[in-house]
């Protein structure tokens, strides 16, 4: 077996170029010239705008709900915090059913 002189540990000529040497040239599109520095635009559907607004709102919320944490701490200290086994079981079953629905849509034969 022969190993070529240029291997993955040696830089190729294209990797040695600096970005400052690259010049922008006009691009011709449908007979009209435009600068490569022009920006493309994106337009969202109403559903996309609603999703973005919801995502932005979710990102603005605190990761830890201090008010809920303090309420649970208070209930624990007072001994008034009650756990509903039925509610936990229902949530576990619902989550399992949701997971099964997701798995039905995943191609596991790949």
PDB file of N, CA and C in Angstrom:
ATOM      1  N   UNK A   1       0.853  -1.177   0.000  1.00  0.00           N
ATOM      2  CA  UNK A   1       0.000   0.000   0.000  1.00  0.00           C
ATOM      3  C   UNK A   1       0.896   1.237   0.000  1.00  0.00           C
ATOM      4  N   UNK A   2       0.540   2.187  -0.844  1.00  0.00           N
ATOM      5  CA  UNK A   2       1.343   3.395  -0.960  1.00  0.00           C
ATOM      6  C   UNK A   2       0.563   4.575  -0.393  1.00  0.00           C
ATOM      7  N   UNK A   3       1.199   5.363   0.452  1.00  0.00           N
ATOM      8  CA  UNK A   3       0.565   6.527   1.056  1.00  0.00           C
ATOM      9  C   UNK A   3       0.993   7.753   0.275  1.00  0.00           C
ATOM     10  N   UNK A   4       0.037   8.523  -0.274  1.00  0.00           N
ATOM     11  CA  UNK A   4       0.406   9.717  -1.039  1.00  0.00           C
ATOM     12  C   UNK A   4       1.044  10.772  -0.136  1.00  0.00           C
ATOM     13  N   UNK A   5       1.814  11.672  -0.768  1.00  0.00           N
ATOM     14  CA  UNK A   5       2.496  12.715   0.001  1.00  0.00           C
ATOM     15  C   UNK A   5       1.505  13.655   0.679  1.00  0.00           C
ATOM     16  N   UNK A   6       0.444  14.014  -0.003  1.00  0.00           N
ATOM     17  CA  UNK A   6      -0.558  14.915   0.575  1.00  0.00           C
ATOM     18  C   UNK A   6      -1.593  14.090   1.302  1.00  0.00           C
ATOM     19  N   UNK A   7      -1.582  14.130   2.598  1.00  0.00           N
ATOM     20  CA  UNK A   7      -2.533  13.387   3.412  1.00  0.00           C
ATOM     21  C   UNK A   7      -3.441  14.331   4.156  1.00  0.00           C
ATOM     22  N   UNK A   8      -4.349  13.826   4.963  1.00  0.00           N
ATOM     23  CA  UNK A   8      -5.287  14.678   5.685  1.00  0.00           C
ATOM     24  C   UNK A   8      -4.625  15.592   6.710  1.00  0.00           C
ATOM     25  N   UNK A   9      -3.375  15.293   7.083  1.00  0.00           N
ATOM     26  CA  UNK A   9      -2.720  16.143   8.073  1.00  0.00           C
ATOM     27  C   UNK A   9      -2.048  17.350   7.435  1.00  0.00           C
ATOM     28  N   UNK A  10      -1.942  17.360   6.094  1.00  0.00           N
ATOM     29  CA  UNK A  10      -1.319  18.501   5.417  1.00  0.00           C
ATOM     30  C   UNK A  10      -2.407  19.403   4.847  1.00  0.00           C
ATOM     31  N   UNK A  11      -2.197  20.705   4.937  1.00  0.00           N
ATOM     32  CA  UNK A  11      -3.175  21.650   4.436  1.00  0.00           C
ATOM     33  C   UNK A  11      -3.142  21.690   2.917  1.00  0.00           C
ATOM     34  N   UNK A  12      -4.311  21.739   2.330  1.00  0.00           N
ATOM     35  CA  UNK A  12      -4.426  21.872   0.888  1.00  0.00           C
ATOM     36  C   UNK A  12      -4.301  23.348   0.532  1.00  0.00           C
ATOM     37  N   UNK A  13      -3.931  23.664  -0.713  1.00  0.00           N
ATOM     38  CA  UNK A  13      -3.760  25.079  -1.089  1.00  0.00           C
ATOM     39  C   UNK A  13      -5.000  25.930  -0.810  1.00  0.00           C
ATOM     40  N   UNK A  14      -6.188  25.391  -1.019  1.00  0.00           N
ATOM     41  CA  UNK A  14      -7.408  26.172  -0.788  1.00  0.00           C
ATOM     42  C   UNK A  14      -7.567  26.533   0.685  1.00  0.00           C
ATOM     43  N   UNK A  15      -7.033  25.725   1.577  1.00  0.00           N
ATOM     44  CA  UNK A  15      -7.159  26.001   2.997  1.00  0.00           C
ATOM     45  C   UNK A  15      -6.180  27.076   3.455  1.00  0.00           C
ATOM     46  N   UNK A  16      -5.178  27.374   2.653  1.00  0.00           N
ATOM     47  CA  UNK A  16      -4.176  28.361   3.036  1.00  0.00           C
ATOM     48  C   UNK A  16      -4.550  29.773   2.617  1.00  0.00           C
ATOM     49  N   UNK A  17      -5.607  29.940   1.844  1.00  0.00           N
ATOM     50  CA  UNK A  17      -6.000  31.273   1.400  1.00  0.00           C
ATOM     51  C   UNK A  17      -6.646  32.056   2.531  1.00  0.00           C
ATOM     52  N   UNK A  18      -6.376  33.328   2.566  1.00  0.00           N
ATOM     53  CA  UNK A  18      -7.051  34.156   3.565  1.00  0.00           C
ATOM     54  C   UNK A  18      -8.288  34.771   2.928  1.00  0.00           C
ATOM     55  N   UNK A  19      -9.274  35.092   3.753  1.00  0.00           N
ATOM     56  CA  UNK A  19     -10.519  35.638   3.241  1.00  0.00           C
ATOM     57  C   UNK A  19     -10.345  37.028   2.647  1.00  0.00           C
ATOM     58  N   UNK A  20      -9.318  37.755   3.062  1.00  0.00           N
ATOM     59  CA  UNK A  20      -9.112  39.104   2.557  1.00  0.00           C
ATOM     60  C   UNK A  20      -8.774  39.097   1.067  1.00  0.00           C
ATOM     61  N   UNK A  21      -8.203  38.024   0.565  1.00  0.00           N
ATOM     62  CA  UNK A  21      -7.810  37.970  -0.833  1.00  0.00           C
ATOM     63  C   UNK A  21      -8.996  37.721  -1.759  1.00  0.00           C
ATOM     64  N   UNK A  22     -10.118  37.282  -1.221  1.00  0.00           N
ATOM     65  CA  UNK A  22     -11.278  36.981  -2.042  1.00  0.00           C
ATOM     66  C   UNK A  22     -11.978  38.279  -2.379  1.00  0.00           C
ATOM     67  N   UNK A  23     -12.203  38.516  -3.666  1.00  0.00           N
ATOM     68  CA  UNK A  23     -12.893  39.730  -4.096  1.00  0.00           C
ATOM     69  C   UNK A  23     -14.279  39.361  -4.579  1.00  0.00           C
ATOM     70  N   UNK A  24     -15.190  40.259  -4.369  1.00  0.00           N
ATOM     71  CA  UNK A  24     -16.560  40.030  -4.803  1.00  0.00           C
ATOM     72  C   UNK A  24     -16.720  40.564  -6.219  1.00  0.00           C
ATOM     73  N   UNK A  25     -17.342  39.756  -7.026  1.00  0.00           N
ATOM     74  CA  UNK A  25     -17.616  40.173  -8.395  1.00  0.00           C
ATOM     75  C   UNK A  25     -19.117  40.193  -8.601  1.00  0.00           C
ATOM     76  N   UNK A  26     -19.599  41.068  -9.505  1.00  0.00           N
ATOM     77  CA  UNK A  26     -21.038  41.112  -9.751  1.00  0.00           C
ATOM     78  C   UNK A  26     -21.525  39.772 -10.301  1.00  0.00           C
ATOM     79  N   UNK A  27     -22.728  39.407  -9.918  1.00  0.00           N
ATOM     80  CA  UNK A  27     -23.347  38.176 -10.394  1.00  0.00           C
ATOM     81  C   UNK A  27     -24.462  38.554 -11.351  1.00  0.00           C
ATOM     82  N   UNK A  28     -24.538  37.866 -12.469  1.00  0.00           N
ATOM     83  CA  UNK A  28     -25.581  38.157 -13.441  1.00  0.00           C
ATOM     84  C   UNK A  28     -26.743  37.209 -13.206  1.00  0.00           C
ATOM     85  N   UNK A  29     -27.927  37.763 -12.999  1.00  0.00           N
ATOM     86  CA  UNK A  29     -29.116  36.963 -12.770  1.00  0.00           C
ATOM     87  C   UNK A  29     -30.203  37.421 -13.729  1.00  0.00           C
ATOM     88  N   UNK A  30     -30.649  36.531 -14.596  1.00  0.00           N
ATOM     89  CA  UNK A  30     -31.704  36.831 -15.572  1.00  0.00           C
ATOM     90  C   UNK A  30     -31.402  38.113 -16.356  1.00  0.00           C
ATOM     91  N   UNK A  31     -30.177  38.267 -16.783  1.00  0.00           N
ATOM     92  CA  UNK A  31     -29.801  39.413 -17.594  1.00  0.00           C
ATOM     93  C   UNK A  31     -29.557  40.676 -16.796  1.00  0.00           C
ATOM     94  N   UNK A  32     -29.904  40.721 -15.548  1.00  0.00           N
ATOM     95  CA  UNK A  32     -29.692  41.913 -14.731  1.00  0.00           C
ATOM     96  C   UNK A  32     -28.522  41.662 -13.799  1.00  0.00           C
ATOM     97  N   UNK A  33     -27.696  42.697 -13.617  1.00  0.00           N
ATOM     98  CA  UNK A  33     -26.560  42.547 -12.712  1.00  0.00           C
ATOM     99  C   UNK A  33     -26.955  43.006 -11.323  1.00  0.00           C
ATOM    100  N   UNK A  34     -26.479  42.254 -10.347  1.00  0.00           N
ATOM    101  CA  UNK A  34     -26.672  42.671  -8.963  1.00  0.00           C
ATOM    102  C   UNK A  34     -25.403  42.338  -8.217  1.00  0.00           C
ATOM    103  N   UNK A  35     -25.123  43.080  -7.197  1.00  0.00           N
ATOM    104  CA  UNK A  35     -23.933  42.853  -6.395  1.00  0.00           C
ATOM    105  C   UNK A  35     -24.118  41.623  -5.526  1.00  0.00           C
ATOM    106  N   UNK A  36     -23.062  40.874  -5.298  1.00  0.00           N
ATOM    107  CA  UNK A  36     -23.122  39.697  -4.438  1.00  0.00           C
ATOM    108  C   UNK A  36     -23.363  40.099  -2.989  1.00  0.00           C
ATOM    109  N   UNK A  37     -23.180  41.381  -2.677  1.00  0.00           N
ATOM    110  CA  UNK A  37     -23.360  41.847  -1.307  1.00  0.00           C
ATOM    111  C   UNK A  37     -24.820  42.137  -0.972  1.00  0.00           C
ATOM    112  N   UNK A  38     -25.725  42.114  -1.969  1.00  0.00           N
ATOM    113  CA  UNK A  38     -27.135  42.338  -1.689  1.00  0.00           C
ATOM    114  C   UNK A  38     -27.657  41.194  -0.849  1.00  0.00           C
ATOM    115  N   UNK A  39     -28.602  41.500   0.008  1.00  0.00           N
ATOM    116  CA  UNK A  39     -29.131  40.482   0.907  1.00  0.00           C
ATOM    117  C   UNK A  39     -30.402  39.880   0.336  1.00  0.00           C
ATOM    118  N   UNK A  40     -30.572  38.583   0.568  1.00  0.00           N
ATOM    119  CA  UNK A  40     -31.804  37.910   0.202  1.00  0.00           C
ATOM    120  C   UNK A  40     -32.853  38.221   1.259  1.00  0.00           C
ATOM    121  N   UNK A  41     -34.105  38.094   0.886  1.00  0.00           N
ATOM    122  CA  UNK A  41     -35.183  38.342   1.834  1.00  0.00           C
ATOM    123  C   UNK A  41     -36.018  37.079   1.992  1.00  0.00           C
ATOM    124  N   UNK A  42     -36.650  36.980   3.141  1.00  0.00           N
ATOM    125  CA  UNK A  42     -37.515  35.844   3.443  1.00  0.00           C
ATOM    126  C   UNK A  42     -38.846  36.389   3.912  1.00  0.00           C
ATOM    127  N   UNK A  43     -39.922  35.796   3.435  1.00  0.00           N
ATOM    128  CA  UNK A  43     -41.230  36.213   3.904  1.00  0.00           C
ATOM    129  C   UNK A  43     -41.927  35.003   4.516  1.00  0.00           C
ATOM    130  N   UNK A  44     -42.445  35.186   5.728  1.00  0.00           N
ATOM    131  CA  UNK A  44     -43.084  34.099   6.452  1.00  0.00           C
ATOM    132  C   UNK A  44     -44.595  34.120   6.252  1.00  0.00           C
ATOM    133  N   UNK A  45     -45.197  32.952   6.287  1.00  0.00           N
ATOM    134  CA  UNK A  45     -46.653  32.864   6.243  1.00  0.00           C
ATOM    135  C   UNK A  45     -47.205  33.321   7.586  1.00  0.00           C
ATOM    136  N   UNK A  46     -48.503  33.466   7.647  1.00  0.00           N
ATOM    137  CA  UNK A  46     -49.142  33.858   8.914  1.00  0.00           C
ATOM    138  C   UNK A  46     -48.846  32.821   9.992  1.00  0.00           C
ATOM    139  N   UNK A  47     -48.875  31.552   9.620  1.00  0.00           N
ATOM    140  CA  UNK A  47     -48.586  30.479  10.569  1.00  0.00           C
ATOM    141  C   UNK A  47     -47.129  30.566  11.036  1.00  0.00           C
ATOM    142  N   UNK A  48     -46.231  30.867  10.109  1.00  0.00           N
ATOM    143  CA  UNK A  48     -44.821  31.007  10.458  1.00  0.00           C
ATOM    144  C   UNK A  48     -44.582  32.171  11.401  1.00  0.00           C
ATOM    145  N   UNK A  49     -45.275  33.294  11.140  1.00  0.00           N
ATOM    146  CA  UNK A  49     -45.146  34.465  12.028  1.00  0.00           C
ATOM    147  C   UNK A  49     -45.687  34.142  13.420  1.00  0.00           C
ATOM    148  N   UNK A  50     -46.787  33.392  13.475  1.00  0.00           N
ATOM    149  CA  UNK A  50     -47.358  33.019  14.778  1.00  0.00           C
ATOM    150  C   UNK A  50     -46.400  32.089  15.522  1.00  0.00           C
ATOM    151  N   UNK A  51     -45.789  31.160  14.799  1.00  0.00           N
ATOM    152  CA  UNK A  51     -44.832  30.249  15.421  1.00  0.00           C
ATOM    153  C   UNK A  51     -43.628  31.020  15.946  1.00  0.00           C
ATOM    154  N   UNK A  52     -43.121  31.973  15.152  1.00  0.00           N
ATOM    155  CA  UNK A  52     -41.972  32.770  15.583  1.00  0.00           C
ATOM    156  C   UNK A  52     -42.321  33.590  16.818  1.00  0.00           C
ATOM    157  N   UNK A  53     -43.524  34.160  16.840  1.00  0.00           N
ATOM    158  CA  UNK A  53     -43.941  34.951  18.006  1.00  0.00           C
ATOM    159  C   UNK A  53     -44.014  34.061  19.246  1.00  0.00           C
ATOM    160  N   UNK A  54     -44.552  32.852  19.086  1.00  0.00           N
ATOM    161  CA  UNK A  54     -44.647  31.931  20.224  1.00  0.00           C
ATOM    162  C   UNK A  54     -43.258  31.506  20.695  1.00  0.00           C
ATOM    163  N   UNK A  55     -42.361  31.232  19.745  1.00  0.00           N
ATOM    164  CA  UNK A  55     -40.992  30.833  20.100  1.00  0.00           C
ATOM    165  C   UNK A  55     -40.271  31.977  20.809  1.00  0.00           C
ATOM    166  N   UNK A  56     -40.438  33.199  20.301  1.00  0.00           N
ATOM    167  CA  UNK A  56     -39.813  34.363  20.948  1.00  0.00           C
ATOM    168  C   UNK A  56     -40.345  34.532  22.371  1.00  0.00           C
ATOM    169  N   UNK A  57     -41.651  34.344  22.537  1.00  0.00           N
ATOM    170  CA  UNK A  57     -42.249  34.469  23.879  1.00  0.00           C
ATOM    171  C   UNK A  57     -41.705  33.385  24.813  1.00  0.00           C
ATOM    172  N   UNK A  58     -41.597  32.160  24.297  1.00  0.00           N
ATOM    173  CA  UNK A  58     -41.087  31.053  25.125  1.00  0.00           C
ATOM    174  C   UNK A  58     -39.638  31.314  25.541  1.00  0.00           C
ATOM    175  N   UNK A  59     -38.851  31.890  24.638  1.00  0.00           N
ATOM    176  CA  UNK A  59     -37.453  32.179  24.970  1.00  0.00           C
ATOM    177  C   UNK A  59     -37.325  33.329  25.968  1.00  0.00           C
ATOM    178  N   UNK A  60     -38.349  34.172  26.048  1.00  0.00           N
ATOM    179  CA  UNK A  60     -38.274  35.298  26.981  1.00  0.00           C
ATOM    180  C   UNK A  60     -38.667  34.892  28.400  1.00  0.00           C
ATOM    181  N   UNK A  61     -39.305  33.730  28.554  1.00  0.00           N
ATOM    182  CA  UNK A  61     -39.710  33.270  29.880  1.00  0.00           C
ATOM    183  C   UNK A  61     -38.511  32.744  30.651  1.00  0.00           C
ATOM    184  N   UNK A  62     -38.538  32.880  31.967  1.00  0.00           N
ATOM    185  CA  UNK A  62     -37.415  32.356  32.768  1.00  0.00           C
ATOM    186  C   UNK A  62     -37.401  30.834  32.712  1.00  0.00           C
ATOM    187  N   UNK A  63     -36.208  30.275  32.783  1.00  0.00           N
ATOM    188  CA  UNK A  63     -36.067  28.826  32.727  1.00  0.00           C
ATOM    189  C   UNK A  63     -36.634  28.170  33.986  1.00  0.00           C
ATOM    190  N   UNK A  64     -36.501  28.849  35.115  1.00  0.00           N
ATOM    191  CA  UNK A  64     -37.022  28.336  36.381  1.00  0.00           C
ATOM    192  C   UNK A  64     -38.100  29.288  36.866  1.00  0.00           C
ATOM    193  N   UNK A  65     -39.274  28.750  37.112  1.00  0.00           N
ATOM    194  CA  UNK A  65     -40.383  29.573  37.603  1.00  0.00           C
ATOM    195  C   UNK A  65     -40.244  29.719  39.108  1.00  0.00           C
ATOM    196  N   UNK A  66     -39.601  30.804  39.515  1.00  0.00           N
ATOM    197  CA  UNK A  66     -39.320  31.048  40.934  1.00  0.00           C
ATOM    198  C   UNK A  66     -40.592  31.056  41.770  1.00  0.00           C
ATOM    199  N   UNK A  67     -41.681  31.619  41.238  1.00  0.00           N
ATOM    200  CA  UNK A  67     -42.926  31.673  42.002  1.00  0.00           C
ATOM    201  C   UNK A  67     -43.444  30.270  42.298  1.00  0.00           C
ATOM    202  N   UNK A  68     -43.363  29.371  41.324  1.00  0.00           N
ATOM    203  CA  UNK A  68     -43.829  27.987  41.521  1.00  0.00           C
ATOM    204  C   UNK A  68     -42.916  27.242  42.497  1.00  0.00           C
ATOM    205  N   UNK A  69     -41.606  27.467  42.378  1.00  0.00           N
ATOM    206  CA  UNK A  69     -40.649  26.821  43.282  1.00  0.00           C
ATOM    207  C   UNK A  69     -40.914  27.252  44.722  1.00  0.00           C
ATOM    208  N   UNK A  70     -41.118  28.543  44.928  1.00  0.00           N
ATOM    209  CA  UNK A  70     -41.367  29.053  46.284  1.00  0.00           C
ATOM    210  C   UNK A  70     -42.677  28.491  46.845  1.00  0.00           C
ATOM    211  N   UNK A  71     -43.709  28.386  46.009  1.00  0.00           N
ATOM    212  CA  UNK A  71     -44.989  27.837  46.460  1.00  0.00           C
ATOM    213  C   UNK A  71     -44.831  26.375  46.892  1.00  0.00           C
ATOM    214  N   UNK A  72     -44.107  25.586  46.098  1.00  0.00           N
ATOM    215  CA  UNK A  72     -43.901  24.179  46.442  1.00  0.00           C
ATOM    216  C   UNK A  72     -43.056  24.028  47.701  1.00  0.00           C
ATOM    217  N   UNK A  73     -42.038  24.876  47.851  1.00  0.00           N
ATOM    218  CA  UNK A  73     -41.217  24.845  49.079  1.00  0.00           C
ATOM    219  C   UNK A  73     -42.071  25.135  50.299  1.00  0.00           C
ATOM    220  N   UNK A  74     -42.935  26.134  50.168  1.00  0.00           N
ATOM    221  CA  UNK A  74     -43.798  26.512  51.289  1.00  0.00           C
ATOM    222  C   UNK A  74     -44.717  25.361  51.665  1.00  0.00           C
ATOM    223  N   UNK A  75     -45.327  24.729  50.651  1.00  0.00           N
ATOM    224  CA  UNK A  75     -46.228  23.604  50.924  1.00  0.00           C
ATOM    225  C   UNK A  75     -45.492  22.432  51.561  1.00  0.00           C
ATOM    226  N   UNK A  76     -44.272  22.172  51.110  1.00  0.00           N
ATOM    227  CA  UNK A  76     -43.477  21.085  51.694  1.00  0.00           C
ATOM    228  C   UNK A  76     -43.159  21.375  53.157  1.00  0.00           C
ATOM    229  N   UNK A  77     -42.756  22.626  53.444  1.00  0.00           N
ATOM    230  CA  UNK A  77     -42.419  23.001  54.817  1.00  0.00           C
ATOM    231  C   UNK A  77     -43.634  22.930  55.731  1.00  0.00           C
ATOM    232  N   UNK A  78     -44.809  23.312  55.213  1.00  0.00           N
ATOM    233  CA  UNK A  78     -46.033  23.300  56.008  1.00  0.00           C
ATOM    234  C   UNK A  78     -46.642  21.906  56.104  1.00  0.00           C
ATOM    235  N   UNK A  79     -46.171  20.991  55.234  1.00  0.00           N
ATOM    236  CA  UNK A  79     -46.739  19.645  55.220  1.00  0.00           C
ATOM    237  C   UNK A  79     -48.070  19.561  54.505  1.00  0.00           C
ATOM    238  N   UNK A  80     -48.356  20.541  53.660  1.00  0.00           N
ATOM    239  CA  UNK A  80     -49.644  20.555  52.949  1.00  0.00           C
ATOM    240  C   UNK A  80     -49.526  20.103  51.497  1.00  0.00           C
ATOM    241  N   UNK A  81     -48.331  19.748  51.060  1.00  0.00           N
ATOM    242  CA  UNK A  81     -48.148  19.302  49.677  1.00  0.00           C
ATOM    243  C   UNK A  81     -48.647  17.867  49.549  1.00  0.00           C
ATOM    244  N   UNK A  82     -49.572  17.640  48.642  1.00  0.00           N
ATOM    245  CA  UNK A  82     -50.145  16.321  48.444  1.00  0.00           C
ATOM    246  C   UNK A  82     -49.874  15.851  47.013  1.00  0.00           C
ATOM    247  N   UNK A  83     -49.468  14.609  46.894  1.00  0.00           N
ATOM    248  CA  UNK A  83     -49.201  14.011  45.587  1.00  0.00           C
ATOM    249  C   UNK A  83     -50.378  13.116  45.241  1.00  0.00           C
ATOM    250  N   UNK A  84     -50.896  13.293  44.029  1.00  0.00           N
ATOM    251  CA  UNK A  84     -52.007  12.469  43.567  1.00  0.00           C
ATOM    252  C   UNK A  84     -51.453  11.331  42.716  1.00  0.00           C
ATOM    253  N   UNK A  85     -51.503  10.126  43.262  1.00  0.00           N
ATOM    254  CA  UNK A  85     -51.026   8.963  42.512  1.00  0.00           C
ATOM    255  C   UNK A  85     -51.815   8.759  41.241  1.00  0.00           C
ATOM    256  N   UNK A  86     -53.118   9.001  41.289  1.00  0.00           N
ATOM    257  CA  UNK A  86     -53.968   8.854  40.102  1.00  0.00           C
ATOM    258  C   UNK A  86     -53.530   9.822  39.006  1.00  0.00           C
ATOM    259  N   UNK A  87     -53.256  11.055  39.399  1.00  0.00           N
ATOM    260  CA  UNK A  87     -52.841  12.070  38.411  1.00  0.00           C
ATOM    261  C   UNK A  87     -51.496  11.703  37.784  1.00  0.00           C
ATOM    262  N   UNK A  88     -50.576  11.196  38.587  1.00  0.00           N
ATOM    263  CA  UNK A  88     -49.266  10.776  38.067  1.00  0.00           C
ATOM    264  C   UNK A  88     -49.445   9.617  37.092  1.00  0.00           C
ATOM    265  N   UNK A  89     -50.285   8.641  37.442  1.00  0.00           N
ATOM    266  CA  UNK A  89     -50.512   7.488  36.573  1.00  0.00           C
ATOM    267  C   UNK A  89     -51.132   7.906  35.244  1.00  0.00           C
ATOM    268  N   UNK A  90     -52.120   8.794  35.290  1.00  0.00           N
ATOM    269  CA  UNK A  90     -52.768   9.270  34.067  1.00  0.00           C
ATOM    270  C   UNK A  90     -51.750   9.972  33.172  1.00  0.00           C
ATOM    271  N   UNK A  91     -50.899  10.825  33.755  1.00  0.00           N
ATOM    272  CA  UNK A  91     -49.887  11.530  32.972  1.00  0.00           C
ATOM    273  C   UNK A  91     -48.868  10.563  32.363  1.00  0.00           C
ATOM    274  N   UNK A  92     -48.501   9.523  33.115  1.00  0.00           N
ATOM    275  CA  UNK A  92     -47.547   8.535  32.590  1.00  0.00           C
ATOM    276  C   UNK A  92     -48.153   7.773  31.409  1.00  0.00           C
ATOM    277  N   UNK A  93     -49.422   7.393  31.527  1.00  0.00           N
ATOM    278  CA  UNK A  93     -50.090   6.674  30.434  1.00  0.00           C
ATOM    279  C   UNK A  93     -50.217   7.567  29.212  1.00  0.00           C
ATOM    280  N   UNK A  94     -50.624   8.827  29.416  1.00  0.00           N
ATOM    281  CA  UNK A  94     -50.754   9.754  28.289  1.00  0.00           C
ATOM    282  C   UNK A  94     -49.423   9.971  27.581  1.00  0.00           C
ATOM    283  N   UNK A  95     -48.356  10.112  28.343  1.00  0.00           N
ATOM    284  CA  UNK A  95     -47.042  10.291  27.743  1.00  0.00           C
ATOM    285  C   UNK A  95     -46.637   9.057  26.956  1.00  0.00           C
ATOM    286  N   UNK A  96     -46.929   7.885  27.480  1.00  0.00           N
ATOM    287  CA  UNK A  96     -46.613   6.642  26.784  1.00  0.00           C
ATOM    288  C   UNK A  96     -47.388   6.548  25.475  1.00  0.00           C
ATOM    289  N   UNK A  97     -48.664   6.929  25.486  1.00  0.00           N
ATOM    290  CA  UNK A  97     -49.476   6.913  24.267  1.00  0.00           C
ATOM    291  C   UNK A  97     -48.933   7.894  23.228  1.00  0.00           C
ATOM    292  N   UNK A  98     -48.525   9.081  23.682  1.00  0.00           N
ATOM    293  CA  UNK A  98     -47.938  10.070  22.772  1.00  0.00           C
ATOM    294  C   UNK A  98     -46.648   9.536  22.159  1.00  0.00           C
ATOM    295  N   UNK A  99     -45.818   8.902  22.981  1.00  0.00           N
ATOM    296  CA  UNK A  99     -44.567   8.330  22.471  1.00  0.00           C
ATOM    297  C   UNK A  99     -44.848   7.258  21.430  1.00  0.00           C
ATOM    298  N   UNK A 100     -45.868   6.428  21.666  1.00  0.00           N
ATOM    299  CA  UNK A 100     -46.225   5.393  20.702  1.00  0.00           C
ATOM    300  C   UNK A 100     -46.670   6.004  19.376  1.00  0.00           C
ATOM    301  N   UNK A 101     -47.415   7.108  19.431  1.00  0.00           N
ATOM    302  CA  UNK A 101     -47.854   7.776  18.200  1.00  0.00           C
ATOM    303  C   UNK A 101     -46.661   8.318  17.427  1.00  0.00           C
ATOM    304  N   UNK A 102     -45.695   8.864  18.129  1.00  0.00           N
ATOM    305  CA  UNK A 102     -44.494   9.384  17.468  1.00  0.00           C
ATOM    306  C   UNK A 102     -43.712   8.245  16.837  1.00  0.00           C
ATOM    307  N   UNK A 103     -43.567   7.145  17.563  1.00  0.00           N
ATOM    308  CA  UNK A 103     -42.801   6.007  17.046  1.00  0.00           C
ATOM    309  C   UNK A 103     -43.451   5.392  15.815  1.00  0.00           C
ATOM    310  N   UNK A 104     -44.773   5.482  15.680  1.00  0.00           N
ATOM    311  CA  UNK A 104     -45.454   4.953  14.512  1.00  0.00           C
ATOM    312  C   UNK A 104     -45.042   5.697  13.247  1.00  0.00           C
ATOM    313  N   UNK A 105     -44.642   6.946  13.393  1.00  0.00           N
ATOM    314  CA  UNK A 105     -44.288   7.778  12.239  1.00  0.00           C
ATOM    315  C   UNK A 105     -42.799   7.753  11.923  1.00  0.00           C
ATOM    316  N   UNK A 106     -42.012   7.065  12.729  1.00  0.00           N
ATOM    317  CA  UNK A 106     -40.568   6.993  12.520  1.00  0.00           C
ATOM    318  C   UNK A 106     -40.251   5.707  11.791  1.00  0.00           C
ATOM    319  N   UNK A 107     -39.435   5.821  10.733  1.00  0.00           N
ATOM    320  CA  UNK A 107     -39.024   4.642   9.981  1.00  0.00           C
ATOM    321  C   UNK A 107     -37.905   3.959  10.732  1.00  0.00           C
ATOM    322  N   UNK A 108     -38.210   2.855  11.404  1.00  0.00           N
ATOM    323  CA  UNK A 108     -37.215   2.150  12.203  1.00  0.00           C
ATOM    324  C   UNK A 108     -36.517   1.041  11.416  1.00  0.00           C
ATOM    325  N   UNK A 109     -36.881   0.861  10.148  1.00  0.00           N
ATOM    326  CA  UNK A 109     -36.284  -0.191   9.330  1.00  0.00           C
ATOM    327  C   UNK A 109     -35.019   0.273   8.626  1.00  0.00           C
ATOM    328  N   UNK A 110     -34.664   1.518   8.776  1.00  0.00           N
ATOM    329  CA  UNK A 110     -33.480   2.074   8.086  1.00  0.00           C
ATOM    330  C   UNK A 110     -32.187   1.596   8.686  1.00  0.00           C
TER     331      UNK A 110
END
